Amino acid sequence: QVQLVESGGGLVQAGDSLRLSCAASGRTFSMSFIGWFRQVPGKEREFVAAIAWSAISTNYADSVKGRFTISSDNAKNTVYLQMNSLKPEDTAVYYCAATTLTNLVLRSSKSYDYWGQGTQVTVSS
């Protein structure tokens, strides 16, 4: 089992920055990828970014490319999502997720086995 805990959400203004953290515990050695997803009420969970646990590769949704950066600190078992130039449309609950799969659709929430509880990000205009 893997446990994930997100932190760092909050209320900011458009153009501001936030850094989200996802602390992993348990069988972290079994993880292959960590992803960030976001969800607003009434909509499906949306892929934001993902990183290989080895930190060799990253992947971003087009909507955040160039503004968000995903990174990891394996020594701390923590993945970060640095969010710059935030826009009101970035408002959502942000979830981190982990998968043990190596052959997967990286941007699909169905590929991920473990989920955190989510952290709210609100961007005012």
N, C-alpha and C. Protein backbone atom coordinates (compact mmCIF):
# COMPACT_ATOMS: atom_id res chain seq x y z
N GLN A 1 0.84 -1.19 0.00
CA GLN A 1 0.00 0.00 0.00
C GLN A 1 0.88 1.25 0.00
N VAL A 2 0.35 2.28 -0.61
CA VAL A 2 1.02 3.58 -0.65
C VAL A 2 0.05 4.62 -0.12
N GLN A 3 0.52 5.48 0.75
CA GLN A 3 -0.31 6.57 1.26
C GLN A 3 0.24 7.89 0.72
N LEU A 4 -0.68 8.76 0.32
CA LEU A 4 -0.30 10.04 -0.27
C LEU A 4 -1.01 11.16 0.48
N VAL A 5 -0.27 12.21 0.79
CA VAL A 5 -0.85 13.36 1.48
C VAL A 5 -0.43 14.63 0.77
N GLU A 6 -1.41 15.38 0.26
CA GLU A 6 -1.13 16.64 -0.41
C GLU A 6 -1.16 17.80 0.58
N SER A 7 -0.44 18.84 0.24
CA SER A 7 -0.48 20.08 1.01
C SER A 7 -0.07 21.23 0.11
N GLY A 8 -0.34 22.45 0.57
CA GLY A 8 0.13 23.63 -0.15
C GLY A 8 -0.94 24.41 -0.90
N GLY A 9 -2.16 23.91 -0.91
CA GLY A 9 -3.21 24.64 -1.59
C GLY A 9 -3.56 25.93 -0.87
N GLY A 10 -4.39 26.75 -1.51
CA GLY A 10 -4.81 27.98 -0.89
C GLY A 10 -5.51 28.90 -1.86
N LEU A 11 -5.74 30.13 -1.39
CA LEU A 11 -6.40 31.16 -2.20
C LEU A 11 -5.35 32.18 -2.63
N VAL A 12 -5.24 32.38 -3.93
CA VAL A 12 -4.27 33.33 -4.47
C VAL A 12 -4.94 34.16 -5.56
N GLN A 13 -4.24 35.19 -5.99
CA GLN A 13 -4.74 36.01 -7.08
C GLN A 13 -4.13 35.55 -8.41
N ALA A 14 -4.80 35.89 -9.48
CA ALA A 14 -4.29 35.58 -10.82
C ALA A 14 -2.88 36.14 -10.97
N GLY A 15 -2.00 35.31 -11.53
CA GLY A 15 -0.61 35.70 -11.71
C GLY A 15 0.31 35.26 -10.60
N ASP A 16 -0.25 34.86 -9.47
CA ASP A 16 0.54 34.39 -8.33
C ASP A 16 1.05 32.98 -8.55
N SER A 17 1.84 32.51 -7.58
CA SER A 17 2.39 31.16 -7.63
C SER A 17 2.01 30.39 -6.37
N LEU A 18 1.98 29.08 -6.51
CA LEU A 18 1.80 28.16 -5.39
C LEU A 18 2.64 26.94 -5.64
N ARG A 19 3.07 26.30 -4.56
CA ARG A 19 3.74 25.02 -4.70
C ARG A 19 2.98 23.98 -3.88
N LEU A 20 2.52 22.95 -4.57
CA LEU A 20 1.86 21.83 -3.92
C LEU A 20 2.89 20.74 -3.63
N SER A 21 2.68 20.05 -2.52
CA SER A 21 3.54 18.93 -2.15
C SER A 21 2.70 17.68 -2.01
N CYS A 22 3.30 16.55 -2.34
CA CYS A 22 2.66 15.26 -2.19
C CYS A 22 3.66 14.34 -1.48
N ALA A 23 3.38 14.05 -0.23
CA ALA A 23 4.26 13.20 0.56
C ALA A 23 3.77 11.76 0.49
N ALA A 24 4.65 10.87 0.09
CA ALA A 24 4.32 9.46 -0.06
C ALA A 24 4.92 8.65 1.08
N SER A 25 4.20 7.61 1.49
CA SER A 25 4.71 6.70 2.51
C SER A 25 4.21 5.30 2.20
N GLY A 26 4.79 4.33 2.88
CA GLY A 26 4.42 2.95 2.63
C GLY A 26 5.36 2.32 1.61
N ARG A 27 4.81 1.54 0.70
CA ARG A 27 5.62 0.82 -0.28
C ARG A 27 5.99 1.71 -1.46
N THR A 28 6.70 2.78 -1.16
CA THR A 28 7.05 3.75 -2.21
C THR A 28 7.97 3.15 -3.27
N PHE A 29 8.71 2.11 -2.90
CA PHE A 29 9.62 1.50 -3.87
C PHE A 29 8.86 0.87 -5.02
N SER A 30 7.57 0.60 -4.82
CA SER A 30 6.77 -0.05 -5.87
C SER A 30 6.19 0.96 -6.87
N MET A 31 6.31 2.26 -6.57
CA MET A 31 5.71 3.25 -7.45
C MET A 31 6.51 3.39 -8.74
N SER A 32 5.81 3.58 -9.83
CA SER A 32 6.46 3.84 -11.11
C SER A 32 6.29 5.29 -11.54
N PHE A 33 5.09 5.82 -11.39
CA PHE A 33 4.82 7.21 -11.75
C PHE A 33 3.98 7.88 -10.66
N ILE A 34 4.17 9.17 -10.51
CA ILE A 34 3.32 10.00 -9.67
C ILE A 34 2.68 11.05 -10.57
N GLY A 35 1.39 11.22 -10.43
CA GLY A 35 0.70 12.21 -11.24
C GLY A 35 -0.06 13.21 -10.40
N TRP A 36 -0.29 14.37 -10.97
CA TRP A 36 -1.19 15.37 -10.39
C TRP A 36 -2.41 15.49 -11.31
N PHE A 37 -3.56 15.45 -10.69
CA PHE A 37 -4.83 15.65 -11.39
C PHE A 37 -5.58 16.77 -10.68
N ARG A 38 -6.59 17.31 -11.36
CA ARG A 38 -7.43 18.32 -10.72
C ARG A 38 -8.88 18.10 -11.14
N GLN A 39 -9.77 18.58 -10.30
CA GLN A 39 -11.18 18.36 -10.55
C GLN A 39 -12.01 19.54 -10.02
N VAL A 40 -12.95 19.95 -10.85
CA VAL A 40 -13.93 20.95 -10.42
C VAL A 40 -15.28 20.27 -10.37
N PRO A 41 -16.19 20.76 -9.56
CA PRO A 41 -17.50 20.11 -9.42
C PRO A 41 -18.21 19.96 -10.75
N GLY A 42 -18.73 18.77 -10.98
CA GLY A 42 -19.49 18.50 -12.19
C GLY A 42 -18.66 18.10 -13.38
N LYS A 43 -17.34 18.07 -13.22
CA LYS A 43 -16.45 17.70 -14.33
C LYS A 43 -15.60 16.50 -13.94
N GLU A 44 -15.09 15.83 -14.95
CA GLU A 44 -14.22 14.70 -14.71
C GLU A 44 -12.85 15.17 -14.21
N ARG A 45 -12.18 14.26 -13.52
CA ARG A 45 -10.84 14.56 -13.05
C ARG A 45 -9.92 14.74 -14.26
N GLU A 46 -9.11 15.79 -14.23
CA GLU A 46 -8.30 16.17 -15.38
C GLU A 46 -6.82 15.99 -15.07
N PHE A 47 -6.10 15.41 -16.00
CA PHE A 47 -4.65 15.24 -15.86
C PHE A 47 -3.95 16.60 -15.90
N VAL A 48 -2.97 16.76 -15.02
CA VAL A 48 -2.19 17.99 -14.99
C VAL A 48 -0.73 17.72 -15.36
N ALA A 49 -0.11 16.80 -14.64
CA ALA A 49 1.31 16.51 -14.88
C ALA A 49 1.65 15.17 -14.24
N ALA A 50 2.74 14.58 -14.70
CA ALA A 50 3.20 13.32 -14.12
C ALA A 50 4.72 13.25 -14.22
N ILE A 51 5.29 12.47 -13.31
CA ILE A 51 6.73 12.29 -13.29
C ILE A 51 7.03 10.84 -12.98
N ALA A 52 8.04 10.30 -13.65
CA ALA A 52 8.50 8.97 -13.29
C ALA A 52 9.15 9.03 -11.92
N TRP A 53 8.96 8.02 -11.12
CA TRP A 53 9.51 8.04 -9.77
C TRP A 53 11.04 8.11 -9.82
N SER A 54 11.59 7.63 -10.92
CA SER A 54 13.02 7.78 -11.15
C SER A 54 13.39 9.20 -11.53
N ALA A 55 12.37 10.02 -11.81
CA ALA A 55 12.53 11.44 -12.18
C ALA A 55 13.18 11.62 -13.55
N ILE A 56 13.22 10.55 -14.32
CA ILE A 56 13.84 10.64 -15.65
C ILE A 56 12.93 11.39 -16.61
N SER A 57 11.62 11.20 -16.49
CA SER A 57 10.73 11.80 -17.47
C SER A 57 9.56 12.51 -16.79
N THR A 58 9.08 13.55 -17.48
CA THR A 58 7.91 14.29 -17.03
C THR A 58 6.94 14.45 -18.19
N ASN A 59 5.70 14.76 -17.85
CA ASN A 59 4.67 14.92 -18.86
C ASN A 59 3.67 15.95 -18.34
N TYR A 60 3.21 16.83 -19.24
CA TYR A 60 2.32 17.92 -18.83
C TYR A 60 1.11 18.02 -19.75
N ALA A 61 0.01 18.43 -19.17
CA ALA A 61 -1.14 18.81 -19.99
C ALA A 61 -0.81 20.10 -20.72
N ASP A 62 -1.37 20.25 -21.90
CA ASP A 62 -1.08 21.45 -22.70
C ASP A 62 -1.50 22.72 -21.96
N SER A 63 -2.53 22.62 -21.15
CA SER A 63 -3.07 23.80 -20.47
C SER A 63 -2.14 24.36 -19.40
N VAL A 64 -1.17 23.56 -18.96
CA VAL A 64 -0.27 24.02 -17.90
C VAL A 64 1.19 24.05 -18.35
N LYS A 65 1.47 23.57 -19.53
CA LYS A 65 2.84 23.51 -20.02
C LYS A 65 3.44 24.91 -20.05
N GLY A 66 4.64 25.03 -19.50
CA GLY A 66 5.30 26.33 -19.45
C GLY A 66 4.98 27.13 -18.20
N ARG A 67 3.94 26.73 -17.47
CA ARG A 67 3.57 27.43 -16.23
C ARG A 67 3.80 26.55 -14.99
N PHE A 68 3.56 25.27 -15.12
CA PHE A 68 3.69 24.34 -14.00
C PHE A 68 4.93 23.49 -14.19
N THR A 69 5.55 23.12 -13.08
CA THR A 69 6.70 22.23 -13.11
C THR A 69 6.53 21.15 -12.05
N ILE A 70 6.66 19.91 -12.46
CA ILE A 70 6.60 18.79 -11.52
C ILE A 70 8.02 18.32 -11.25
N SER A 71 8.29 18.01 -9.99
CA SER A 71 9.62 17.55 -9.60
C SER A 71 9.48 16.60 -8.43
N SER A 72 10.56 15.91 -8.13
CA SER A 72 10.52 14.96 -7.03
C SER A 72 11.79 15.03 -6.20
N ASP A 73 11.66 14.70 -4.95
CA ASP A 73 12.78 14.55 -4.03
C ASP A 73 12.64 13.14 -3.44
N ASN A 74 13.33 12.20 -4.06
CA ASN A 74 13.16 10.81 -3.64
C ASN A 74 13.62 10.57 -2.21
N ALA A 75 14.60 11.34 -1.77
CA ALA A 75 15.08 11.17 -0.40
C ALA A 75 14.00 11.52 0.62
N LYS A 76 13.10 12.42 0.22
CA LYS A 76 12.00 12.83 1.10
C LYS A 76 10.69 12.16 0.71
N ASN A 77 10.73 11.31 -0.33
CA ASN A 77 9.51 10.66 -0.84
C ASN A 77 8.41 11.68 -1.10
N THR A 78 8.80 12.77 -1.74
CA THR A 78 7.87 13.87 -1.96
C THR A 78 7.93 14.33 -3.42
N VAL A 79 6.77 14.60 -3.97
CA VAL A 79 6.65 15.16 -5.31
C VAL A 79 6.04 16.55 -5.18
N TYR A 80 6.55 17.46 -5.98
CA TYR A 80 6.09 18.85 -5.93
C TYR A 80 5.45 19.26 -7.25
N LEU A 81 4.53 20.19 -7.15
CA LEU A 81 3.97 20.82 -8.35
C LEU A 81 4.09 22.32 -8.15
N GLN A 82 5.06 22.91 -8.82
CA GLN A 82 5.24 24.36 -8.78
C GLN A 82 4.32 24.98 -9.81
N MET A 83 3.44 25.84 -9.37
CA MET A 83 2.45 26.44 -10.25
C MET A 83 2.69 27.95 -10.31
N ASN A 84 3.07 28.43 -11.49
CA ASN A 84 3.32 29.85 -11.69
C ASN A 84 2.27 30.44 -12.63
N SER A 85 2.18 31.75 -12.63
CA SER A 85 1.24 32.46 -13.52
C SER A 85 -0.15 31.85 -13.45
N LEU A 86 -0.64 31.67 -12.25
CA LEU A 86 -1.93 31.00 -12.07
C LEU A 86 -3.06 31.82 -12.66
N LYS A 87 -4.03 31.10 -13.18
CA LYS A 87 -5.21 31.69 -13.82
C LYS A 87 -6.46 31.24 -13.07
N PRO A 88 -7.55 31.99 -13.16
CA PRO A 88 -8.79 31.57 -12.51
C PRO A 88 -9.24 30.17 -12.94
N GLU A 89 -8.96 29.82 -14.19
CA GLU A 89 -9.36 28.49 -14.67
C GLU A 89 -8.52 27.36 -14.08
N ASP A 90 -7.49 27.69 -13.31
CA ASP A 90 -6.73 26.67 -12.60
C ASP A 90 -7.40 26.30 -11.28
N THR A 91 -8.45 27.00 -10.91
CA THR A 91 -9.16 26.71 -9.67
C THR A 91 -9.74 25.30 -9.71
N ALA A 92 -9.41 24.51 -8.70
CA ALA A 92 -9.85 23.11 -8.64
C ALA A 92 -9.34 22.49 -7.35
N VAL A 93 -9.80 21.29 -7.09
CA VAL A 93 -9.17 20.45 -6.07
C VAL A 93 -8.08 19.66 -6.78
N TYR A 94 -6.89 19.73 -6.26
CA TYR A 94 -5.74 19.06 -6.85
C TYR A 94 -5.43 17.78 -6.07
N TYR A 95 -5.29 16.69 -6.80
CA TYR A 95 -4.99 15.39 -6.22
C TYR A 95 -3.65 14.88 -6.74
N CYS A 96 -2.88 14.25 -5.87
CA CYS A 96 -1.75 13.49 -6.38
C CYS A 96 -2.14 12.01 -6.37
N ALA A 97 -1.52 11.29 -7.26
CA ALA A 97 -1.86 9.88 -7.45
C ALA A 97 -0.60 9.11 -7.79
N ALA A 98 -0.58 7.86 -7.40
CA ALA A 98 0.57 7.01 -7.67
C ALA A 98 0.12 5.73 -8.36
N THR A 99 0.98 5.23 -9.22
CA THR A 99 0.71 3.97 -9.88
C THR A 99 1.91 3.07 -9.78
N THR A 100 1.65 1.78 -9.80
CA THR A 100 2.72 0.79 -9.84
C THR A 100 2.87 0.21 -11.24
N LEU A 101 2.02 0.64 -12.15
CA LEU A 101 2.06 0.13 -13.51
C LEU A 101 3.23 0.72 -14.27
N THR A 102 3.77 -0.04 -15.20
CA THR A 102 4.82 0.46 -16.08
C THR A 102 4.32 0.57 -17.52
N ASN A 103 3.28 -0.16 -17.85
CA ASN A 103 2.64 -0.07 -19.16
C ASN A 103 1.26 0.54 -18.92
N LEU A 104 1.14 1.84 -19.14
CA LEU A 104 -0.07 2.54 -18.73
C LEU A 104 -0.34 3.72 -19.64
N VAL A 105 -1.57 4.20 -19.55
CA VAL A 105 -1.93 5.46 -20.18
C VAL A 105 -1.70 6.53 -19.11
N LEU A 106 -0.62 7.25 -19.25
CA LEU A 106 -0.14 8.13 -18.19
C LEU A 106 -1.17 9.18 -17.80
N ARG A 107 -1.93 9.67 -18.76
CA ARG A 107 -2.85 10.78 -18.51
C ARG A 107 -4.24 10.32 -18.09
N SER A 108 -4.42 9.02 -17.91
CA SER A 108 -5.72 8.52 -17.50
C SER A 108 -5.74 8.28 -16.00
N SER A 109 -6.76 8.79 -15.34
CA SER A 109 -6.88 8.58 -13.90
C SER A 109 -7.06 7.10 -13.57
N LYS A 110 -7.53 6.34 -14.52
CA LYS A 110 -7.76 4.91 -14.28
C LYS A 110 -6.45 4.13 -14.16
N SER A 111 -5.34 4.75 -14.56
CA SER A 111 -4.05 4.08 -14.48
C SER A 111 -3.45 4.13 -13.07
N TYR A 112 -4.01 4.92 -12.20
CA TYR A 112 -3.42 5.19 -10.89
C TYR A 112 -4.14 4.42 -9.79
N ASP A 113 -3.31 3.80 -8.92
CA ASP A 113 -3.85 2.92 -7.88
C ASP A 113 -4.15 3.65 -6.59
N TYR A 114 -3.37 4.67 -6.30
CA TYR A 114 -3.44 5.32 -5.00
C TYR A 114 -3.66 6.82 -5.17
N TRP A 115 -4.48 7.38 -4.29
CA TRP A 115 -4.84 8.79 -4.37
C TRP A 115 -4.74 9.47 -3.02
N GLY A 116 -4.36 10.73 -3.04
CA GLY A 116 -4.42 11.54 -1.84
C GLY A 116 -5.82 12.08 -1.64
N GLN A 117 -5.96 12.87 -0.58
CA GLN A 117 -7.29 13.39 -0.23
C GLN A 117 -7.63 14.67 -0.97
N GLY A 118 -6.65 15.28 -1.60
CA GLY A 118 -6.89 16.50 -2.37
C GLY A 118 -6.62 17.77 -1.59
N THR A 119 -6.25 18.81 -2.30
CA THR A 119 -6.03 20.12 -1.70
C THR A 119 -6.64 21.18 -2.62
N GLN A 120 -7.36 22.11 -2.06
CA GLN A 120 -8.09 23.11 -2.83
C GLN A 120 -7.15 24.23 -3.26
N VAL A 121 -7.22 24.57 -4.54
CA VAL A 121 -6.52 25.73 -5.08
C VAL A 121 -7.58 26.66 -5.67
N THR A 122 -7.61 27.88 -5.20
CA THR A 122 -8.56 28.86 -5.69
C THR A 122 -7.80 30.09 -6.18
N VAL A 123 -8.04 30.45 -7.44
CA VAL A 123 -7.36 31.59 -8.04
C VAL A 123 -8.41 32.65 -8.36
N SER A 124 -8.30 33.79 -7.73
CA SER A 124 -9.26 34.86 -7.96
C SER A 124 -8.75 35.80 -9.06
N SER A 125 -9.69 36.38 -9.78
CA SER A 125 -9.32 37.27 -10.89
C SER A 125 -9.14 38.69 -10.43
